[in-house]
Amino acid sequence: MSADVVVVGCGGHGREVLGIIEAVNRASAAGPAWRVLGFVDDAPSDVNRKRVARLGHAYLGPTTVLAALPPRTHVAVGIGAPAARRAVVERLDAYGLPAADLVHPDATVGPDARHGEGLLVFPGARVTTNVTMGRHVHLNQNVTVGHDCVLGDLVSVNPLAAVSGNCRIDSGALVGAGAVVLEGRRVGAHATVGAAACVVRDVPPHTVVKGVPAR
């Protein structure tokens, strides 16, 4: 039996989340796992609303419409930036709706990985062994997360980034596209690692680093 899900966010990231849901449904031998009710967004552009419609799905309205949905309706938060995602998740938590865990069939997550609700793993991502992830972690296309890593709540690892073994990425941090975090390094809470950067030393909280080596 399919579970109902609403995608939060009509932008590109949200529409990519729809792609994960559809891939999961295609791969399910028991029939579709999810029934998409539509999208919600507090301020969608006309362009993004048209793109959602072109994918065959409805824009349901702002996030406040979620308050009226049955309590078993799941949400998939398709918002890429950790700070913006945190603000939305805090509002959604008040509605008490469960968050969907979505792993694309072309991704791999180690059997001993642990995670909070709302995990989104995009195609090509690789998560190895003894990895712990918090709530609403997003692992984008073709990222790698090595052994014994800990990722806090609302972490984003952007496409083609590599987090080496035994790293810690604290809550709300973002690892940019194509960046590398070397083994054993720590990226502090709400820090940003710029695209294509190479982290060779710990990154303090609330800082932005870029370059090779990252500074």
N, C-alpha and C. Protein backbone atom coordinates (compact mmCIF):
# COMPACT_ATOMS: atom_id res chain seq x y z
N MET A 1 0.85 -1.19 0.00
CA MET A 1 0.00 0.00 0.00
C MET A 1 0.88 1.24 0.00
N SER A 2 0.56 2.20 -0.84
CA SER A 2 1.36 3.41 -0.96
C SER A 2 1.11 4.34 0.23
N ALA A 3 2.19 5.03 0.64
CA ALA A 3 2.06 6.08 1.65
C ALA A 3 1.98 7.43 0.94
N ASP A 4 1.19 8.33 1.48
CA ASP A 4 1.06 9.66 0.90
C ASP A 4 2.26 10.53 1.27
N VAL A 5 2.71 11.35 0.32
CA VAL A 5 3.83 12.25 0.57
C VAL A 5 3.58 13.57 -0.16
N VAL A 6 3.98 14.65 0.48
CA VAL A 6 3.96 15.99 -0.11
C VAL A 6 5.40 16.48 -0.17
N VAL A 7 5.79 17.02 -1.32
CA VAL A 7 7.12 17.59 -1.47
C VAL A 7 7.06 19.06 -1.08
N VAL A 8 7.96 19.46 -0.21
CA VAL A 8 8.04 20.85 0.24
C VAL A 8 9.13 21.56 -0.57
N GLY A 9 8.71 22.50 -1.41
CA GLY A 9 9.65 23.23 -2.25
C GLY A 9 9.44 22.92 -3.72
N CYS A 10 9.08 23.95 -4.49
CA CYS A 10 8.83 23.78 -5.93
C CYS A 10 10.07 24.03 -6.78
N GLY A 11 11.17 24.43 -6.14
CA GLY A 11 12.39 24.73 -6.90
C GLY A 11 13.06 23.49 -7.43
N GLY A 12 14.26 23.69 -7.98
CA GLY A 12 14.96 22.58 -8.60
C GLY A 12 15.24 21.43 -7.65
N HIS A 13 15.63 21.75 -6.42
CA HIS A 13 15.93 20.69 -5.46
C HIS A 13 14.68 19.87 -5.14
N GLY A 14 13.56 20.55 -4.97
CA GLY A 14 12.32 19.84 -4.71
C GLY A 14 11.92 18.93 -5.85
N ARG A 15 12.12 19.43 -7.08
CA ARG A 15 11.77 18.61 -8.24
C ARG A 15 12.73 17.41 -8.39
N GLU A 16 13.97 17.59 -7.95
CA GLU A 16 14.89 16.44 -7.92
C GLU A 16 14.46 15.41 -6.88
N VAL A 17 13.90 15.89 -5.76
CA VAL A 17 13.36 14.97 -4.76
C VAL A 17 12.23 14.14 -5.36
N LEU A 18 11.37 14.79 -6.15
CA LEU A 18 10.34 14.04 -6.86
C LEU A 18 10.96 12.93 -7.70
N GLY A 19 12.09 13.20 -8.33
CA GLY A 19 12.77 12.18 -9.12
C GLY A 19 13.18 10.98 -8.29
N ILE A 20 13.62 11.21 -7.04
CA ILE A 20 13.95 10.09 -6.16
C ILE A 20 12.69 9.27 -5.88
N ILE A 21 11.61 9.96 -5.54
CA ILE A 21 10.36 9.24 -5.23
C ILE A 21 9.92 8.39 -6.41
N GLU A 22 9.97 8.95 -7.59
CA GLU A 22 9.53 8.20 -8.77
C GLU A 22 10.46 7.01 -9.04
N ALA A 23 11.76 7.18 -8.81
CA ALA A 23 12.69 6.06 -9.00
C ALA A 23 12.45 4.96 -7.97
N VAL A 24 12.17 5.35 -6.72
CA VAL A 24 11.85 4.36 -5.69
C VAL A 24 10.59 3.58 -6.09
N ASN A 25 9.59 4.28 -6.59
CA ASN A 25 8.35 3.61 -7.01
C ASN A 25 8.60 2.64 -8.16
N ARG A 26 9.42 3.05 -9.12
CA ARG A 26 9.70 2.15 -10.26
C ARG A 26 10.45 0.90 -9.82
N ALA A 27 11.28 1.03 -8.80
CA ALA A 27 12.11 -0.10 -8.36
C ALA A 27 11.39 -1.03 -7.40
N SER A 28 10.22 -0.64 -6.92
CA SER A 28 9.52 -1.43 -5.92
C SER A 28 8.76 -2.59 -6.56
N ALA A 29 9.16 -3.81 -6.21
CA ALA A 29 8.50 -4.99 -6.76
C ALA A 29 7.08 -5.14 -6.23
N ALA A 30 6.80 -4.54 -5.08
CA ALA A 30 5.48 -4.66 -4.45
C ALA A 30 4.51 -3.58 -4.90
N GLY A 31 4.91 -2.78 -5.89
CA GLY A 31 4.08 -1.66 -6.32
C GLY A 31 4.59 -0.36 -5.74
N PRO A 32 4.05 0.77 -6.21
CA PRO A 32 4.56 2.07 -5.76
C PRO A 32 4.54 2.21 -4.24
N ALA A 33 5.67 2.67 -3.69
CA ALA A 33 5.75 2.89 -2.24
C ALA A 33 5.14 4.21 -1.82
N TRP A 34 5.08 5.17 -2.76
CA TRP A 34 4.65 6.52 -2.42
C TRP A 34 3.58 7.01 -3.40
N ARG A 35 2.62 7.76 -2.86
CA ARG A 35 1.65 8.49 -3.68
C ARG A 35 1.86 9.98 -3.45
N VAL A 36 2.30 10.68 -4.48
CA VAL A 36 2.62 12.10 -4.35
C VAL A 36 1.33 12.91 -4.43
N LEU A 37 1.03 13.63 -3.36
CA LEU A 37 -0.18 14.45 -3.35
C LEU A 37 0.04 15.78 -4.06
N GLY A 38 1.28 16.23 -4.10
CA GLY A 38 1.59 17.49 -4.75
C GLY A 38 2.73 18.19 -4.04
N PHE A 39 2.89 19.48 -4.35
CA PHE A 39 3.96 20.31 -3.80
C PHE A 39 3.37 21.45 -2.98
N VAL A 40 4.09 21.84 -1.94
CA VAL A 40 3.77 23.07 -1.22
C VAL A 40 5.00 23.97 -1.24
N ASP A 41 4.76 25.27 -1.20
CA ASP A 41 5.85 26.23 -1.23
C ASP A 41 5.27 27.58 -0.81
N ASP A 42 5.95 28.29 0.08
CA ASP A 42 5.42 29.55 0.57
C ASP A 42 5.57 30.69 -0.43
N ALA A 43 6.51 30.58 -1.35
CA ALA A 43 6.70 31.67 -2.32
C ALA A 43 7.24 31.12 -3.63
N PRO A 44 6.48 30.27 -4.31
CA PRO A 44 7.00 29.70 -5.56
C PRO A 44 6.96 30.72 -6.69
N SER A 45 7.96 30.70 -7.53
CA SER A 45 7.91 31.55 -8.72
C SER A 45 6.93 30.97 -9.73
N ASP A 46 6.45 31.80 -10.63
CA ASP A 46 5.57 31.31 -11.69
C ASP A 46 6.27 30.25 -12.54
N VAL A 47 7.57 30.46 -12.77
CA VAL A 47 8.33 29.50 -13.57
C VAL A 47 8.35 28.14 -12.89
N ASN A 48 8.63 28.10 -11.59
CA ASN A 48 8.70 26.82 -10.90
C ASN A 48 7.34 26.15 -10.77
N ARG A 49 6.28 26.95 -10.61
CA ARG A 49 4.95 26.35 -10.59
C ARG A 49 4.63 25.69 -11.93
N LYS A 50 5.04 26.32 -13.02
CA LYS A 50 4.81 25.74 -14.34
C LYS A 50 5.64 24.47 -14.52
N ARG A 51 6.86 24.46 -13.98
CA ARG A 51 7.70 23.27 -14.10
C ARG A 51 7.15 22.10 -13.30
N VAL A 52 6.58 22.39 -12.13
CA VAL A 52 5.91 21.34 -11.35
C VAL A 52 4.72 20.80 -12.12
N ALA A 53 3.92 21.69 -12.71
CA ALA A 53 2.75 21.25 -13.48
C ALA A 53 3.18 20.41 -14.67
N ARG A 54 4.29 20.76 -15.30
CA ARG A 54 4.77 20.00 -16.46
C ARG A 54 5.16 18.58 -16.06
N LEU A 55 5.53 18.41 -14.81
CA LEU A 55 5.85 17.07 -14.30
C LEU A 55 4.61 16.28 -13.91
N GLY A 56 3.44 16.90 -14.04
CA GLY A 56 2.19 16.21 -13.78
C GLY A 56 1.72 16.27 -12.34
N HIS A 57 2.21 17.27 -11.59
CA HIS A 57 1.84 17.36 -10.18
C HIS A 57 1.28 18.74 -9.86
N ALA A 58 0.49 18.80 -8.81
CA ALA A 58 -0.21 20.02 -8.45
C ALA A 58 0.57 20.82 -7.42
N TYR A 59 0.43 22.14 -7.52
CA TYR A 59 0.86 23.02 -6.44
C TYR A 59 -0.31 23.15 -5.49
N LEU A 60 -0.13 22.75 -4.24
CA LEU A 60 -1.23 22.69 -3.29
C LEU A 60 -1.42 23.98 -2.51
N GLY A 61 -0.39 24.84 -2.48
CA GLY A 61 -0.48 26.07 -1.73
C GLY A 61 0.71 26.24 -0.81
N PRO A 62 0.65 27.17 0.13
CA PRO A 62 1.75 27.37 1.07
C PRO A 62 1.86 26.22 2.07
N THR A 63 2.91 26.24 2.86
CA THR A 63 3.13 25.13 3.81
C THR A 63 2.03 25.03 4.85
N THR A 64 1.27 26.09 5.06
CA THR A 64 0.20 26.03 6.05
C THR A 64 -0.88 25.02 5.70
N VAL A 65 -0.98 24.64 4.42
CA VAL A 65 -2.00 23.65 4.05
C VAL A 65 -1.69 22.29 4.66
N LEU A 66 -0.44 22.07 5.06
CA LEU A 66 -0.07 20.79 5.65
C LEU A 66 -0.77 20.55 6.98
N ALA A 67 -1.15 21.63 7.65
CA ALA A 67 -1.81 21.48 8.95
C ALA A 67 -3.13 20.74 8.85
N ALA A 68 -3.76 20.77 7.67
CA ALA A 68 -5.08 20.14 7.50
C ALA A 68 -4.98 18.71 6.96
N LEU A 69 -3.78 18.22 6.69
CA LEU A 69 -3.64 16.89 6.11
C LEU A 69 -3.69 15.81 7.18
N PRO A 70 -4.09 14.59 6.80
CA PRO A 70 -4.11 13.48 7.78
C PRO A 70 -2.74 13.28 8.41
N PRO A 71 -2.70 12.85 9.67
CA PRO A 71 -1.43 12.78 10.40
C PRO A 71 -0.44 11.77 9.86
N ARG A 72 -0.87 10.85 9.00
CA ARG A 72 0.07 9.88 8.42
C ARG A 72 0.67 10.36 7.10
N THR A 73 0.31 11.56 6.67
CA THR A 73 0.90 12.11 5.45
C THR A 73 2.36 12.45 5.70
N HIS A 74 3.24 11.99 4.82
CA HIS A 74 4.66 12.29 4.96
C HIS A 74 5.01 13.58 4.21
N VAL A 75 6.11 14.18 4.65
CA VAL A 75 6.66 15.33 3.93
C VAL A 75 8.09 14.99 3.50
N ALA A 76 8.47 15.51 2.34
CA ALA A 76 9.85 15.41 1.84
C ALA A 76 10.31 16.83 1.60
N VAL A 77 11.26 17.28 2.39
CA VAL A 77 11.66 18.69 2.38
C VAL A 77 12.73 18.90 1.30
N GLY A 78 12.30 19.40 0.17
CA GLY A 78 13.18 19.59 -0.98
C GLY A 78 13.77 20.99 -1.02
N ILE A 79 14.48 21.36 0.03
CA ILE A 79 15.11 22.67 0.13
C ILE A 79 16.59 22.43 0.38
N GLY A 80 17.44 22.96 -0.51
CA GLY A 80 18.85 22.60 -0.47
C GLY A 80 19.66 23.29 0.60
N ALA A 81 19.48 24.58 0.82
CA ALA A 81 20.30 25.32 1.76
C ALA A 81 19.95 24.94 3.19
N PRO A 82 20.94 24.54 4.01
CA PRO A 82 20.62 24.08 5.37
C PRO A 82 19.88 25.10 6.22
N ALA A 83 20.24 26.39 6.15
CA ALA A 83 19.57 27.38 6.99
C ALA A 83 18.10 27.53 6.60
N ALA A 84 17.83 27.58 5.31
CA ALA A 84 16.44 27.68 4.85
C ALA A 84 15.68 26.40 5.19
N ARG A 85 16.34 25.26 5.06
CA ARG A 85 15.69 23.99 5.39
C ARG A 85 15.35 23.93 6.88
N ARG A 86 16.27 24.43 7.73
CA ARG A 86 16.01 24.42 9.17
C ARG A 86 14.77 25.24 9.50
N ALA A 87 14.63 26.41 8.90
CA ALA A 87 13.47 27.26 9.19
C ALA A 87 12.17 26.57 8.81
N VAL A 88 12.16 25.89 7.68
CA VAL A 88 10.96 25.19 7.24
C VAL A 88 10.67 23.99 8.13
N VAL A 89 11.71 23.22 8.47
CA VAL A 89 11.52 22.04 9.31
C VAL A 89 10.95 22.43 10.67
N GLU A 90 11.41 23.54 11.22
CA GLU A 90 10.89 23.98 12.52
C GLU A 90 9.40 24.26 12.44
N ARG A 91 8.94 24.83 11.33
CA ARG A 91 7.50 25.05 11.16
C ARG A 91 6.76 23.74 10.96
N LEU A 92 7.34 22.86 10.16
CA LEU A 92 6.66 21.59 9.85
C LEU A 92 6.55 20.70 11.08
N ASP A 93 7.55 20.76 11.96
CA ASP A 93 7.50 19.93 13.16
C ASP A 93 6.25 20.21 13.98
N ALA A 94 5.77 21.44 13.93
CA ALA A 94 4.56 21.78 14.70
C ALA A 94 3.32 21.05 14.17
N TYR A 95 3.34 20.64 12.91
CA TYR A 95 2.21 19.93 12.33
C TYR A 95 2.23 18.44 12.66
N GLY A 96 3.36 17.94 13.11
CA GLY A 96 3.44 16.54 13.54
C GLY A 96 3.43 15.52 12.42
N LEU A 97 3.71 15.95 11.18
CA LEU A 97 3.72 15.01 10.07
C LEU A 97 5.08 14.31 9.98
N PRO A 98 5.12 13.03 9.69
CA PRO A 98 6.40 12.33 9.58
C PRO A 98 7.14 12.75 8.32
N ALA A 99 8.45 12.71 8.39
CA ALA A 99 9.29 13.02 7.23
C ALA A 99 9.66 11.73 6.51
N ALA A 100 9.58 11.75 5.20
CA ALA A 100 9.93 10.58 4.40
C ALA A 100 11.44 10.40 4.35
N ASP A 101 11.88 9.15 4.45
CA ASP A 101 13.28 8.78 4.20
C ASP A 101 13.34 8.24 2.77
N LEU A 102 14.17 8.85 1.93
CA LEU A 102 14.20 8.51 0.51
C LEU A 102 15.62 8.24 0.06
N VAL A 103 15.86 7.03 -0.40
CA VAL A 103 17.18 6.65 -0.92
C VAL A 103 16.99 6.19 -2.36
N HIS A 104 17.63 6.88 -3.30
CA HIS A 104 17.51 6.52 -4.71
C HIS A 104 18.05 5.11 -4.93
N PRO A 105 17.40 4.32 -5.78
CA PRO A 105 17.87 2.95 -6.03
C PRO A 105 19.30 2.88 -6.57
N ASP A 106 19.79 3.95 -7.19
CA ASP A 106 21.16 3.97 -7.70
C ASP A 106 22.16 4.50 -6.69
N ALA A 107 21.75 4.67 -5.44
CA ALA A 107 22.65 5.04 -4.35
C ALA A 107 22.88 3.83 -3.47
N THR A 108 23.93 3.87 -2.66
CA THR A 108 24.18 2.79 -1.70
C THR A 108 24.42 3.39 -0.32
N VAL A 109 23.78 2.78 0.68
CA VAL A 109 23.94 3.18 2.07
C VAL A 109 24.30 1.93 2.85
N GLY A 110 25.40 1.98 3.57
CA GLY A 110 25.87 0.81 4.31
C GLY A 110 24.81 0.26 5.25
N PRO A 111 24.78 -1.07 5.42
CA PRO A 111 23.73 -1.68 6.23
C PRO A 111 23.80 -1.30 7.70
N ASP A 112 24.95 -0.81 8.16
CA ASP A 112 25.06 -0.41 9.56
C ASP A 112 25.00 1.11 9.74
N ALA A 113 24.59 1.83 8.69
CA ALA A 113 24.41 3.28 8.81
C ALA A 113 23.17 3.57 9.65
N ARG A 114 23.21 4.67 10.38
CA ARG A 114 22.08 5.09 11.21
C ARG A 114 21.73 6.52 10.85
N HIS A 115 20.43 6.83 10.90
CA HIS A 115 20.03 8.18 10.51
C HIS A 115 18.72 8.58 11.16
N GLY A 116 18.54 9.88 11.30
CA GLY A 116 17.26 10.41 11.74
C GLY A 116 16.29 10.52 10.58
N GLU A 117 15.09 11.01 10.86
CA GLU A 117 14.06 11.08 9.82
C GLU A 117 14.42 12.13 8.77
N GLY A 118 13.85 11.95 7.59
CA GLY A 118 14.00 12.92 6.53
C GLY A 118 15.27 12.79 5.71
N LEU A 119 15.96 11.67 5.80
CA LEU A 119 17.17 11.46 5.01
C LEU A 119 16.83 11.42 3.52
N LEU A 120 17.56 12.20 2.72
CA LEU A 120 17.42 12.18 1.26
C LEU A 120 18.77 11.83 0.66
N VAL A 121 18.82 10.73 -0.10
CA VAL A 121 20.05 10.28 -0.74
C VAL A 121 19.79 10.22 -2.24
N PHE A 122 20.51 11.04 -2.98
CA PHE A 122 20.28 11.22 -4.40
C PHE A 122 21.07 10.19 -5.22
N PRO A 123 20.79 10.07 -6.52
CA PRO A 123 21.42 9.01 -7.31
C PRO A 123 22.94 9.12 -7.31
N GLY A 124 23.58 7.96 -7.24
CA GLY A 124 25.03 7.88 -7.31
C GLY A 124 25.75 8.11 -6.01
N ALA A 125 25.04 8.49 -4.95
CA ALA A 125 25.69 8.72 -3.66
C ALA A 125 26.15 7.39 -3.05
N ARG A 126 27.25 7.44 -2.31
CA ARG A 126 27.81 6.25 -1.68
C ARG A 126 28.11 6.56 -0.21
N VAL A 127 27.44 5.82 0.66
CA VAL A 127 27.66 5.93 2.10
C VAL A 127 28.16 4.56 2.56
N THR A 128 29.33 4.53 3.21
CA THR A 128 29.95 3.24 3.49
C THR A 128 29.54 2.69 4.85
N THR A 129 30.44 2.46 5.75
CA THR A 129 30.15 1.70 6.96
C THR A 129 30.25 2.56 8.22
N ASN A 130 29.35 2.25 9.17
CA ASN A 130 29.35 2.89 10.49
C ASN A 130 29.24 4.42 10.36
N VAL A 131 28.33 4.87 9.53
CA VAL A 131 28.06 6.29 9.35
C VAL A 131 26.79 6.65 10.12
N THR A 132 26.85 7.73 10.87
CA THR A 132 25.71 8.21 11.63
C THR A 132 25.27 9.56 11.08
N MET A 133 23.98 9.70 10.79
CA MET A 133 23.44 10.93 10.21
C MET A 133 22.23 11.40 11.01
N GLY A 134 22.10 12.70 11.17
CA GLY A 134 20.99 13.26 11.91
C GLY A 134 19.74 13.42 11.07
N ARG A 135 18.86 14.32 11.49
CA ARG A 135 17.60 14.57 10.80
C ARG A 135 17.81 15.43 9.57
N HIS A 136 17.03 15.13 8.53
CA HIS A 136 16.96 15.95 7.32
C HIS A 136 18.35 16.20 6.71
N VAL A 137 19.14 15.16 6.66
CA VAL A 137 20.43 15.22 5.96
C VAL A 137 20.19 15.00 4.48
N HIS A 138 20.87 15.79 3.63
CA HIS A 138 20.75 15.65 2.19
C HIS A 138 22.12 15.31 1.61
N LEU A 139 22.18 14.17 0.93
CA LEU A 139 23.40 13.72 0.24
C LEU A 139 23.10 13.76 -1.25
N ASN A 140 23.67 14.72 -1.94
CA ASN A 140 23.31 14.97 -3.33
C ASN A 140 24.01 14.01 -4.29
N GLN A 141 23.82 14.26 -5.58
CA GLN A 141 24.26 13.33 -6.61
C GLN A 141 25.76 13.05 -6.54
N ASN A 142 26.08 11.75 -6.52
CA ASN A 142 27.46 11.27 -6.68
C ASN A 142 28.41 11.76 -5.58
N VAL A 143 27.89 11.91 -4.35
CA VAL A 143 28.77 12.21 -3.23
C VAL A 143 29.25 10.90 -2.61
N THR A 144 30.34 10.99 -1.84
CA THR A 144 30.80 9.85 -1.06
C THR A 144 30.97 10.28 0.39
N VAL A 145 30.56 9.39 1.28
CA VAL A 145 30.75 9.59 2.71
C VAL A 145 31.43 8.33 3.25
N GLY A 146 32.64 8.51 3.77
CA GLY A 146 33.47 7.37 4.15
C GLY A 146 33.12 6.81 5.52
N HIS A 147 33.87 5.79 5.89
CA HIS A 147 33.64 5.03 7.11
C HIS A 147 33.69 5.90 8.37
N ASP A 148 32.84 5.57 9.32
CA ASP A 148 32.89 6.11 10.67
C ASP A 148 32.64 7.61 10.75
N CYS A 149 31.97 8.16 9.78
CA CYS A 149 31.65 9.60 9.79
C CYS A 149 30.39 9.86 10.63
N VAL A 150 30.31 11.09 11.13
CA VAL A 150 29.12 11.56 11.84
C VAL A 150 28.67 12.86 11.18
N LEU A 151 27.43 12.88 10.70
CA LEU A 151 26.84 14.07 10.08
C LEU A 151 25.68 14.52 10.94
N GLY A 152 25.69 15.78 11.36
CA GLY A 152 24.64 16.29 12.21
C GLY A 152 23.36 16.59 11.46
N ASP A 153 22.38 17.10 12.19
CA ASP A 153 21.09 17.46 11.60
C ASP A 153 21.28 18.49 10.48
N LEU A 154 20.49 18.35 9.42
CA LEU A 154 20.36 19.35 8.37
C LEU A 154 21.65 19.60 7.59
N VAL A 155 22.56 18.65 7.62
CA VAL A 155 23.78 18.76 6.81
C VAL A 155 23.43 18.56 5.34
N SER A 156 24.09 19.32 4.48
CA SER A 156 24.01 19.11 3.03
C SER A 156 25.41 18.81 2.49
N VAL A 157 25.51 17.75 1.71
CA VAL A 157 26.73 17.45 0.97
C VAL A 157 26.36 17.56 -0.50
N ASN A 158 26.92 18.53 -1.18
CA ASN A 158 26.50 18.84 -2.54
C ASN A 158 27.17 17.94 -3.58
N PRO A 159 26.67 17.96 -4.83
CA PRO A 159 27.10 16.98 -5.83
C PRO A 159 28.62 16.88 -5.97
N LEU A 160 29.07 15.62 -6.07
CA LEU A 160 30.46 15.25 -6.35
C LEU A 160 31.42 15.55 -5.21
N ALA A 161 30.91 15.93 -4.05
CA ALA A 161 31.79 16.15 -2.90
C ALA A 161 32.17 14.81 -2.29
N ALA A 162 33.33 14.79 -1.61
CA ALA A 162 33.83 13.58 -0.97
C ALA A 162 34.18 13.89 0.48
N VAL A 163 33.52 13.18 1.39
CA VAL A 163 33.83 13.27 2.81
C VAL A 163 34.57 12.00 3.18
N SER A 164 35.84 12.14 3.54
CA SER A 164 36.67 10.97 3.82
C SER A 164 36.29 10.34 5.15
N GLY A 165 36.92 9.22 5.47
CA GLY A 165 36.57 8.47 6.66
C GLY A 165 36.85 9.22 7.95
N ASN A 166 36.04 8.89 8.97
CA ASN A 166 36.24 9.38 10.33
C ASN A 166 36.15 10.91 10.42
N CYS A 167 35.30 11.51 9.60
CA CYS A 167 35.07 12.96 9.65
C CYS A 167 33.81 13.25 10.45
N ARG A 168 33.73 14.49 10.92
CA ARG A 168 32.52 14.96 11.57
C ARG A 168 32.06 16.25 10.88
N ILE A 169 30.82 16.24 10.41
CA ILE A 169 30.21 17.40 9.78
C ILE A 169 29.06 17.82 10.69
N ASP A 170 29.22 18.92 11.37
CA ASP A 170 28.27 19.28 12.42
C ASP A 170 26.99 19.91 11.84
N SER A 171 26.00 20.06 12.71
CA SER A 171 24.65 20.46 12.33
C SER A 171 24.64 21.72 11.47
N GLY A 172 23.88 21.65 10.39
CA GLY A 172 23.65 22.80 9.53
C GLY A 172 24.80 23.16 8.61
N ALA A 173 25.85 22.36 8.57
CA ALA A 173 26.99 22.65 7.71
C ALA A 173 26.69 22.23 6.27
N LEU A 174 27.39 22.89 5.34
CA LEU A 174 27.26 22.56 3.92
C LEU A 174 28.63 22.30 3.34
N VAL A 175 28.77 21.17 2.65
CA VAL A 175 29.98 20.84 1.91
C VAL A 175 29.67 21.05 0.44
N GLY A 176 30.35 22.01 -0.19
CA GLY A 176 30.00 22.43 -1.53
C GLY A 176 30.34 21.43 -2.61
N ALA A 177 29.83 21.67 -3.80
CA ALA A 177 30.00 20.77 -4.93
C ALA A 177 31.48 20.55 -5.23
N GLY A 178 31.85 19.28 -5.35
CA GLY A 178 33.21 18.93 -5.72
C GLY A 178 34.24 19.13 -4.63
N ALA A 179 33.83 19.50 -3.42
CA ALA A 179 34.77 19.71 -2.32
C ALA A 179 35.23 18.37 -1.75
N VAL A 180 36.37 18.41 -1.05
CA VAL A 180 36.93 17.23 -0.41
C VAL A 180 37.22 17.57 1.05
N VAL A 181 36.76 16.72 1.96
CA VAL A 181 37.10 16.83 3.38
C VAL A 181 38.01 15.65 3.70
N LEU A 182 39.25 15.95 4.04
CA LEU A 182 40.21 14.88 4.27
C LEU A 182 39.93 14.14 5.57
N GLU A 183 40.48 12.94 5.67
CA GLU A 183 40.17 12.02 6.76
C GLU A 183 40.41 12.65 8.13
N GLY A 184 39.43 12.46 8.99
CA GLY A 184 39.55 12.88 10.38
C GLY A 184 39.28 14.34 10.64
N ARG A 185 38.92 15.11 9.63
CA ARG A 185 38.67 16.54 9.82
C ARG A 185 37.25 16.77 10.32
N ARG A 186 37.06 17.95 10.92
CA ARG A 186 35.75 18.34 11.44
C ARG A 186 35.32 19.66 10.81
N VAL A 187 34.09 19.70 10.34
CA VAL A 187 33.49 20.94 9.82
C VAL A 187 32.45 21.37 10.84
N GLY A 188 32.64 22.56 11.41
CA GLY A 188 31.80 23.01 12.50
C GLY A 188 30.39 23.35 12.10
N ALA A 189 29.54 23.52 13.09
CA ALA A 189 28.12 23.79 12.87
C ALA A 189 27.93 25.05 12.03
N HIS A 190 27.04 24.94 11.04
CA HIS A 190 26.63 26.06 10.18
C HIS A 190 27.79 26.64 9.37
N ALA A 191 28.87 25.89 9.23
CA ALA A 191 29.98 26.32 8.37
C ALA A 191 29.67 25.95 6.92
N THR A 192 30.37 26.62 6.00
CA THR A 192 30.24 26.33 4.58
C THR A 192 31.61 26.05 3.99
N VAL A 193 31.73 24.91 3.34
CA VAL A 193 32.94 24.57 2.58
C VAL A 193 32.64 24.88 1.12
N GLY A 194 33.38 25.80 0.54
CA GLY A 194 33.11 26.22 -0.82
C GLY A 194 33.31 25.13 -1.85
N ALA A 195 32.72 25.34 -3.01
CA ALA A 195 32.84 24.36 -4.09
C ALA A 195 34.31 24.14 -4.45
N ALA A 196 34.67 22.87 -4.65
CA ALA A 196 36.00 22.44 -5.08
C ALA A 196 37.09 22.71 -4.05
N ALA A 197 36.73 23.07 -2.82
CA ALA A 197 37.72 23.29 -1.77
C ALA A 197 38.25 21.95 -1.26
N CYS A 198 39.42 22.00 -0.62
CA CYS A 198 40.00 20.81 0.01
C CYS A 198 40.27 21.14 1.47
N VAL A 199 39.53 20.50 2.35
CA VAL A 199 39.64 20.76 3.78
C VAL A 199 40.76 19.90 4.36
N VAL A 200 41.83 20.54 4.80
CA VAL A 200 42.99 19.83 5.36
C VAL A 200 43.12 20.04 6.86
N ARG A 201 42.33 20.97 7.41
CA ARG A 201 42.31 21.22 8.85
C ARG A 201 40.87 21.49 9.26
N ASP A 202 40.60 21.39 10.55
CA ASP A 202 39.24 21.57 11.03
C ASP A 202 38.71 22.97 10.67
N VAL A 203 37.41 23.02 10.37
CA VAL A 203 36.75 24.27 10.00
C VAL A 203 35.91 24.75 11.20
N PRO A 204 36.15 25.94 11.71
CA PRO A 204 35.38 26.42 12.87
C PRO A 204 33.91 26.62 12.51
N PRO A 205 33.04 26.60 13.51
CA PRO A 205 31.61 26.85 13.26
C PRO A 205 31.39 28.23 12.66
N HIS A 206 30.31 28.35 11.87
CA HIS A 206 29.84 29.64 11.34
C HIS A 206 30.90 30.34 10.49
N THR A 207 31.73 29.58 9.80
CA THR A 207 32.73 30.19 8.93
C THR A 207 32.55 29.66 7.50
N VAL A 208 33.12 30.39 6.55
CA VAL A 208 33.14 29.98 5.16
C VAL A 208 34.60 29.79 4.76
N VAL A 209 34.91 28.62 4.21
CA VAL A 209 36.26 28.37 3.72
C VAL A 209 36.20 27.99 2.25
N LYS A 210 37.27 28.29 1.52
CA LYS A 210 37.33 27.95 0.10
C LYS A 210 38.77 27.81 -0.30
N GLY A 211 38.98 27.20 -1.46
CA GLY A 211 40.32 27.08 -2.01
C GLY A 211 41.00 25.78 -1.65
N VAL A 212 42.23 25.64 -2.15
CA VAL A 212 43.05 24.44 -1.94
C VAL A 212 44.43 24.89 -1.46
N PRO A 213 44.76 24.66 -0.18
CA PRO A 213 43.89 24.13 0.86
C PRO A 213 42.83 25.14 1.29
N ALA A 214 41.77 24.65 1.88
CA ALA A 214 40.66 25.54 2.26
C ALA A 214 41.07 26.46 3.40
N ARG A 215 40.78 27.76 3.20
CA ARG A 215 41.07 28.77 4.23
C ARG A 215 39.84 29.67 4.41
